[in-house]
Amino acid sequence: MNRMSAVIQAIEDAGIEIVRSSWKEDGHLQVDVDPSENDRAVEAVQAYWRKQKEMHLESIGLLALVAEEAAHE
């Protein structure tokens, strides 16, 4: 799944209906939701990116651990 469809999925997983999504001329994804749900949608996207960052940092940590173990062999 590409990152933009993952962002849309994160919003939908939060129970928020997407009214429209489209690509802007500058290449960014525009996702429209009911204005009353905007804050929740932003929180859902931020939570998605936090989780992605955590997973990335964990993988870097695991790679460092593997490299350290290999250096001791």
PDB file of N, CA and C in Angstrom:
ATOM      1  N   MET A   1       0.861  -1.171   0.000  1.00  0.00           N
ATOM      2  CA  MET A   1       0.000   0.000   0.000  1.00  0.00           C
ATOM      3  C   MET A   1       0.905   1.230   0.000  1.00  0.00           C
ATOM      4  N   ASN A   2       0.604   2.169  -0.895  1.00  0.00           N
ATOM      5  CA  ASN A   2       1.441   3.371  -0.896  1.00  0.00           C
ATOM      6  C   ASN A   2       1.048   4.285   0.258  1.00  0.00           C
ATOM      7  N   ARG A   3       1.901   5.238   0.528  1.00  0.00           N
ATOM      8  CA  ARG A   3       1.704   6.089   1.711  1.00  0.00           C
ATOM      9  C   ARG A   3       0.405   6.883   1.657  1.00  0.00           C
ATOM     10  N   MET A   4       0.029   7.378   0.483  1.00  0.00           N
ATOM     11  CA  MET A   4      -1.174   8.198   0.417  1.00  0.00           C
ATOM     12  C   MET A   4      -2.431   7.363   0.622  1.00  0.00           C
ATOM     13  N   SER A   5      -2.477   6.166   0.061  1.00  0.00           N
ATOM     14  CA  SER A   5      -3.647   5.335   0.315  1.00  0.00           C
ATOM     15  C   SER A   5      -3.659   4.879   1.772  1.00  0.00           C
ATOM     16  N   ALA A   6      -2.494   4.765   2.388  1.00  0.00           N
ATOM     17  CA  ALA A   6      -2.430   4.427   3.810  1.00  0.00           C
ATOM     18  C   ALA A   6      -2.978   5.567   4.662  1.00  0.00           C
ATOM     19  N   VAL A   7      -2.730   6.802   4.243  1.00  0.00           N
ATOM     20  CA  VAL A   7      -3.274   7.963   4.958  1.00  0.00           C
ATOM     21  C   VAL A   7      -4.796   7.951   4.860  1.00  0.00           C
ATOM     22  N   ILE A   8      -5.311   7.703   3.670  1.00  0.00           N
ATOM     23  CA  ILE A   8      -6.765   7.627   3.489  1.00  0.00           C
ATOM     24  C   ILE A   8      -7.329   6.501   4.348  1.00  0.00           C
ATOM     25  N   GLN A   9      -6.655   5.359   4.362  1.00  0.00           N
ATOM     26  CA  GLN A   9      -7.108   4.228   5.164  1.00  0.00           C
ATOM     27  C   GLN A   9      -7.108   4.574   6.652  1.00  0.00           C
ATOM     28  N   ALA A  10      -6.115   5.313   7.116  1.00  0.00           N
ATOM     29  CA  ALA A  10      -6.055   5.709   8.529  1.00  0.00           C
ATOM     30  C   ALA A  10      -7.254   6.573   8.900  1.00  0.00           C
ATOM     31  N   ILE A  11      -7.639   7.459   8.003  1.00  0.00           N
ATOM     32  CA  ILE A  11      -8.806   8.313   8.255  1.00  0.00           C
ATOM     33  C   ILE A  11     -10.067   7.457   8.297  1.00  0.00           C
ATOM     34  N   GLU A  12     -10.211   6.563   7.325  1.00  0.00           N
ATOM     35  CA  GLU A  12     -11.393   5.699   7.292  1.00  0.00           C
ATOM     36  C   GLU A  12     -11.430   4.764   8.495  1.00  0.00           C
ATOM     37  N   ASP A  13     -10.270   4.267   8.920  1.00  0.00           N
ATOM     38  CA  ASP A  13     -10.216   3.382  10.087  1.00  0.00           C
ATOM     39  C   ASP A  13     -10.646   4.093  11.363  1.00  0.00           C
ATOM     40  N   ALA A  14     -10.526   5.420  11.377  1.00  0.00           N
ATOM     41  CA  ALA A  14     -10.971   6.205  12.533  1.00  0.00           C
ATOM     42  C   ALA A  14     -12.481   6.440  12.487  1.00  0.00           C
ATOM     43  N   GLY A  15     -13.145   5.862  11.472  1.00  0.00           N
ATOM     44  CA  GLY A  15     -14.594   6.000  11.360  1.00  0.00           C
ATOM     45  C   GLY A  15     -15.036   7.302  10.731  1.00  0.00           C
ATOM     46  N   ILE A  16     -14.149   7.928   9.980  1.00  0.00           N
ATOM     47  CA  ILE A  16     -14.446   9.219   9.361  1.00  0.00           C
ATOM     48  C   ILE A  16     -14.676   9.004   7.871  1.00  0.00           C
ATOM     49  N   GLU A  17     -15.791   9.523   7.391  1.00  0.00           N
ATOM     50  CA  GLU A  17     -16.109   9.389   5.971  1.00  0.00           C
ATOM     51  C   GLU A  17     -15.357  10.443   5.163  1.00  0.00           C
ATOM     52  N   ILE A  18     -14.718   9.998   4.116  1.00  0.00           N
ATOM     53  CA  ILE A  18     -14.020  10.917   3.220  1.00  0.00           C
ATOM     54  C   ILE A  18     -15.008  11.387   2.167  1.00  0.00           C
ATOM     55  N   VAL A  19     -15.168  12.701   2.083  1.00  0.00           N
ATOM     56  CA  VAL A  19     -16.093  13.291   1.121  1.00  0.00           C
ATOM     57  C   VAL A  19     -15.480  13.257  -0.273  1.00  0.00           C
ATOM     58  N   ARG A  20     -14.201  13.605  -0.339  1.00  0.00           N
ATOM     59  CA  ARG A  20     -13.509  13.653  -1.635  1.00  0.00           C
ATOM     60  C   ARG A  20     -12.011  13.606  -1.365  1.00  0.00           C
ATOM     61  N   SER A  21     -11.296  12.983  -2.281  1.00  0.00           N
ATOM     62  CA  SER A  21      -9.835  13.039  -2.225  1.00  0.00           C
ATOM     63  C   SER A  21      -9.331  13.238  -3.646  1.00  0.00           C
ATOM     64  N   SER A  22      -8.295  14.043  -3.770  1.00  0.00           N
ATOM     65  CA  SER A  22      -7.741  14.322  -5.097  1.00  0.00           C
ATOM     66  C   SER A  22      -6.309  14.812  -4.935  1.00  0.00           C
ATOM     67  N   TRP A  23      -5.593  14.775  -6.043  1.00  0.00           N
ATOM     68  CA  TRP A  23      -4.221  15.278  -6.058  1.00  0.00           C
ATOM     69  C   TRP A  23      -4.240  16.746  -6.434  1.00  0.00           C
ATOM     70  N   LYS A  24      -3.544  17.552  -5.659  1.00  0.00           N
ATOM     71  CA  LYS A  24      -3.425  18.975  -5.976  1.00  0.00           C
ATOM     72  C   LYS A  24      -2.353  19.156  -7.042  1.00  0.00           C
ATOM     73  N   GLU A  25      -2.362  20.325  -7.670  1.00  0.00           N
ATOM     74  CA  GLU A  25      -1.388  20.603  -8.728  1.00  0.00           C
ATOM     75  C   GLU A  25       0.050  20.506  -8.232  1.00  0.00           C
ATOM     76  N   ASP A  26       0.270  20.807  -6.950  1.00  0.00           N
ATOM     77  CA  ASP A  26       1.633  20.758  -6.407  1.00  0.00           C
ATOM     78  C   ASP A  26       2.062  19.342  -6.007  1.00  0.00           C
ATOM     79  N   GLY A  27       1.198  18.354  -6.278  1.00  0.00           N
ATOM     80  CA  GLY A  27       1.546  16.970  -5.998  1.00  0.00           C
ATOM     81  C   GLY A  27       1.112  16.460  -4.636  1.00  0.00           C
ATOM     82  N   HIS A  28       0.481  17.291  -3.829  1.00  0.00           N
ATOM     83  CA  HIS A  28       0.017  16.872  -2.508  1.00  0.00           C
ATOM     84  C   HIS A  28      -1.390  16.286  -2.603  1.00  0.00           C
ATOM     85  N   LEU A  29      -1.689  15.416  -1.682  1.00  0.00           N
ATOM     86  CA  LEU A  29      -3.002  14.801  -1.611  1.00  0.00           C
ATOM     87  C   LEU A  29      -3.943  15.722  -0.849  1.00  0.00           C
ATOM     88  N   GLN A  30      -5.103  15.976  -1.411  1.00  0.00           N
ATOM     89  CA  GLN A  30      -6.146  16.773  -0.756  1.00  0.00           C
ATOM     90  C   GLN A  30      -7.235  15.802  -0.325  1.00  0.00           C
ATOM     91  N   VAL A  31      -7.512  15.746   0.966  1.00  0.00           N
ATOM     92  CA  VAL A  31      -8.563  14.876   1.483  1.00  0.00           C
ATOM     93  C   VAL A  31      -9.576  15.761   2.192  1.00  0.00           C
ATOM     94  N   ASP A  32     -10.815  15.690   1.732  1.00  0.00           N
ATOM     95  CA  ASP A  32     -11.883  16.484   2.331  1.00  0.00           C
ATOM     96  C   ASP A  32     -12.788  15.581   3.152  1.00  0.00           C
ATOM     97  N   VAL A  33     -13.057  16.032   4.370  1.00  0.00           N
ATOM     98  CA  VAL A  33     -13.975  15.336   5.268  1.00  0.00           C
ATOM     99  C   VAL A  33     -14.996  16.353   5.749  1.00  0.00           C
ATOM    100  N   ASP A  34     -16.010  15.871   6.427  1.00  0.00           N
ATOM    101  CA  ASP A  34     -16.984  16.774   7.033  1.00  0.00           C
ATOM    102  C   ASP A  34     -16.215  17.707   7.965  1.00  0.00           C
ATOM    103  N   PRO A  35     -16.465  19.020   7.878  1.00  0.00           N
ATOM    104  CA  PRO A  35     -15.717  19.965   8.722  1.00  0.00           C
ATOM    105  C   PRO A  35     -15.766  19.627  10.215  1.00  0.00           C
ATOM    106  N   SER A  36     -16.862  19.035  10.670  1.00  0.00           N
ATOM    107  CA  SER A  36     -16.956  18.686  12.091  1.00  0.00           C
ATOM    108  C   SER A  36     -16.015  17.538  12.459  1.00  0.00           C
ATOM    109  N   GLU A  37     -15.528  16.806  11.462  1.00  0.00           N
ATOM    110  CA  GLU A  37     -14.625  15.678  11.688  1.00  0.00           C
ATOM    111  C   GLU A  37     -13.167  16.030  11.406  1.00  0.00           C
ATOM    112  N   ASN A  38     -12.905  17.278  11.034  1.00  0.00           N
ATOM    113  CA  ASN A  38     -11.562  17.662  10.619  1.00  0.00           C
ATOM    114  C   ASN A  38     -10.506  17.382  11.693  1.00  0.00           C
ATOM    115  N   ASP A  39     -10.776  17.767  12.932  1.00  0.00           N
ATOM    116  CA  ASP A  39      -9.792  17.556  14.001  1.00  0.00           C
ATOM    117  C   ASP A  39      -9.487  16.072  14.191  1.00  0.00           C
ATOM    118  N   ARG A  40     -10.530  15.244  14.156  1.00  0.00           N
ATOM    119  CA  ARG A  40     -10.323  13.795  14.298  1.00  0.00           C
ATOM    120  C   ARG A  40      -9.525  13.233  13.130  1.00  0.00           C
ATOM    121  N   ALA A  41      -9.779  13.749  11.926  1.00  0.00           N
ATOM    122  CA  ALA A  41      -9.038  13.285  10.747  1.00  0.00           C
ATOM    123  C   ALA A  41      -7.565  13.649  10.875  1.00  0.00           C
ATOM    124  N   VAL A  42      -7.299  14.860  11.323  1.00  0.00           N
ATOM    125  CA  VAL A  42      -5.909  15.298  11.513  1.00  0.00           C
ATOM    126  C   VAL A  42      -5.232  14.406  12.555  1.00  0.00           C
ATOM    127  N   GLU A  43      -5.925  14.119  13.652  1.00  0.00           N
ATOM    128  CA  GLU A  43      -5.365  13.249  14.691  1.00  0.00           C
ATOM    129  C   GLU A  43      -5.077  11.853  14.148  1.00  0.00           C
ATOM    130  N   ALA A  44      -5.972  11.334  13.315  1.00  0.00           N
ATOM    131  CA  ALA A  44      -5.779   9.999  12.733  1.00  0.00           C
ATOM    132  C   ALA A  44      -4.540   9.965  11.848  1.00  0.00           C
ATOM    133  N   VAL A  45      -4.360  11.002  11.047  1.00  0.00           N
ATOM    134  CA  VAL A  45      -3.193  11.065  10.161  1.00  0.00           C
ATOM    135  C   VAL A  45      -1.915  11.226  10.979  1.00  0.00           C
ATOM    136  N   GLN A  46      -1.960  12.077  11.993  1.00  0.00           N
ATOM    137  CA  GLN A  46      -0.777  12.253  12.838  1.00  0.00           C
ATOM    138  C   GLN A  46      -0.418  10.955  13.550  1.00  0.00           C
ATOM    139  N   ALA A  47      -1.415  10.215  14.012  1.00  0.00           N
ATOM    140  CA  ALA A  47      -1.160   8.930  14.668  1.00  0.00           C
ATOM    141  C   ALA A  47      -0.539   7.944  13.681  1.00  0.00           C
ATOM    142  N   TYR A  48      -1.006   7.966  12.445  1.00  0.00           N
ATOM    143  CA  TYR A  48      -0.427   7.096  11.417  1.00  0.00           C
ATOM    144  C   TYR A  48       1.054   7.403  11.227  1.00  0.00           C
ATOM    145  N   TRP A  49       1.387   8.689  11.074  1.00  0.00           N
ATOM    146  CA  TRP A  49       2.791   9.063  10.841  1.00  0.00           C
ATOM    147  C   TRP A  49       3.661   8.781  12.060  1.00  0.00           C
ATOM    148  N   ARG A  50       3.105   8.951  13.282  1.00  0.00           N
ATOM    149  CA  ARG A  50       3.862   8.602  14.495  1.00  0.00           C
ATOM    150  C   ARG A  50       4.194   7.109  14.496  1.00  0.00           C
ATOM    151  N   LYS A  51       3.199   6.295  14.142  1.00  0.00           N
ATOM    152  CA  LYS A  51       3.408   4.844  14.110  1.00  0.00           C
ATOM    153  C   LYS A  51       4.460   4.482  13.062  1.00  0.00           C
ATOM    154  N   GLN A  52       4.412   5.133  11.902  1.00  0.00           N
ATOM    155  CA  GLN A  52       5.404   4.875  10.862  1.00  0.00           C
ATOM    156  C   GLN A  52       6.807   5.235  11.350  1.00  0.00           C
ATOM    157  N   LYS A  53       6.917   6.359  12.063  1.00  0.00           N
ATOM    158  CA  LYS A  53       8.210   6.788  12.592  1.00  0.00           C
ATOM    159  C   LYS A  53       8.720   5.785  13.621  1.00  0.00           C
ATOM    160  N   GLU A  54       7.823   5.334  14.513  1.00  0.00           N
ATOM    161  CA  GLU A  54       8.214   4.346  15.519  1.00  0.00           C
ATOM    162  C   GLU A  54       8.715   3.064  14.865  1.00  0.00           C
ATOM    163  N   MET A  55       7.996   2.602  13.843  1.00  0.00           N
ATOM    164  CA  MET A  55       8.397   1.374  13.152  1.00  0.00           C
ATOM    165  C   MET A  55       9.745   1.561  12.466  1.00  0.00           C
ATOM    166  N   HIS A  56       9.962   2.734  11.893  1.00  0.00           N
ATOM    167  CA  HIS A  56      11.231   3.020  11.233  1.00  0.00           C
ATOM    168  C   HIS A  56      12.375   3.018  12.249  1.00  0.00           C
ATOM    169  N   LEU A  57      12.157   3.685  13.373  1.00  0.00           N
ATOM    170  CA  LEU A  57      13.193   3.733  14.405  1.00  0.00           C
ATOM    171  C   LEU A  57      13.480   2.349  14.973  1.00  0.00           C
ATOM    172  N   GLU A  58      12.425   1.538  15.125  1.00  0.00           N
ATOM    173  CA  GLU A  58      12.627   0.171  15.599  1.00  0.00           C
ATOM    174  C   GLU A  58      13.458  -0.620  14.598  1.00  0.00           C
ATOM    175  N   SER A  59      13.171  -0.451  13.314  1.00  0.00           N
ATOM    176  CA  SER A  59      13.927  -1.207  12.307  1.00  0.00           C
ATOM    177  C   SER A  59      15.384  -0.755  12.275  1.00  0.00           C
ATOM    178  N   ILE A  60      15.623   0.544  12.460  1.00  0.00           N
ATOM    179  CA  ILE A  60      17.002   1.040  12.523  1.00  0.00           C
ATOM    180  C   ILE A  60      17.708   0.437  13.733  1.00  0.00           C
ATOM    181  N   GLY A  61      17.005   0.392  14.853  1.00  0.00           N
ATOM    182  CA  GLY A  61      17.578  -0.200  16.057  1.00  0.00           C
ATOM    183  C   GLY A  61      17.900  -1.668  15.863  1.00  0.00           C
ATOM    184  N   LEU A  62      17.018  -2.393  15.189  1.00  0.00           N
ATOM    185  CA  LEU A  62      17.272  -3.807  14.927  1.00  0.00           C
ATOM    186  C   LEU A  62      18.455  -3.983  13.987  1.00  0.00           C
ATOM    187  N   LEU A  63      18.548  -3.124  12.972  1.00  0.00           N
ATOM    188  CA  LEU A  63      19.684  -3.200  12.056  1.00  0.00           C
ATOM    189  C   LEU A  63      20.993  -2.929  12.790  1.00  0.00           C
ATOM    190  N   ALA A  64      20.973  -1.960  13.695  1.00  0.00           N
ATOM    191  CA  ALA A  64      22.171  -1.647  14.469  1.00  0.00           C
ATOM    192  C   ALA A  64      22.547  -2.829  15.357  1.00  0.00           C
ATOM    193  N   LEU A  65      21.545  -3.471  15.926  1.00  0.00           N
ATOM    194  CA  LEU A  65      21.789  -4.628  16.779  1.00  0.00           C
ATOM    195  C   LEU A  65      22.396  -5.775  15.972  1.00  0.00           C
ATOM    196  N   VAL A  66      21.861  -6.023  14.789  1.00  0.00           N
ATOM    197  CA  VAL A  66      22.389  -7.077  13.923  1.00  0.00           C
ATOM    198  C   VAL A  66      23.824  -6.754  13.520  1.00  0.00           C
ATOM    199  N   ALA A  67      24.076  -5.495  13.184  1.00  0.00           N
ATOM    200  CA  ALA A  67      25.431  -5.087  12.792  1.00  0.00           C
ATOM    201  C   ALA A  67      26.399  -5.261  13.956  1.00  0.00           C
ATOM    202  N   GLU A  68      25.947  -4.923  15.153  1.00  0.00           N
ATOM    203  CA  GLU A  68      26.802  -5.067  16.336  1.00  0.00           C
ATOM    204  C   GLU A  68      27.120  -6.535  16.597  1.00  0.00           C
ATOM    205  N   GLU A  69      26.103  -7.393  16.474  1.00  0.00           N
ATOM    206  CA  GLU A  69      26.330  -8.824  16.675  1.00  0.00           C
ATOM    207  C   GLU A  69      27.276  -9.379  15.614  1.00  0.00           C
ATOM    208  N   ALA A  70      27.121  -8.930  14.381  1.00  0.00           N
ATOM    209  CA  ALA A  70      27.992  -9.392  13.294  1.00  0.00           C
ATOM    210  C   ALA A  70      29.431  -8.950  13.532  1.00  0.00           C
ATOM    211  N   ALA A  71      29.606  -7.785  14.111  1.00  0.00           N
ATOM    212  CA  ALA A  71      30.951  -7.274  14.385  1.00  0.00           C
ATOM    213  C   ALA A  71      31.650  -8.105  15.455  1.00  0.00           C
ATOM    214  N   HIS A  72      30.877  -8.716  16.342  1.00  0.00           N
ATOM    215  CA  HIS A  72      31.451  -9.521  17.419  1.00  0.00           C
ATOM    216  C   HIS A  72      31.733 -10.957  16.992  1.00  0.00           C
ATOM    217  N   GLU A  73      31.285 -11.330  15.810  1.00  0.00           N
ATOM    218  CA  GLU A  73      31.502 -12.713  15.346  1.00  0.00           C
ATOM    219  C   GLU A  73      32.850 -12.877  14.730  1.00  0.00           C
TER     220      GLU A  73
END
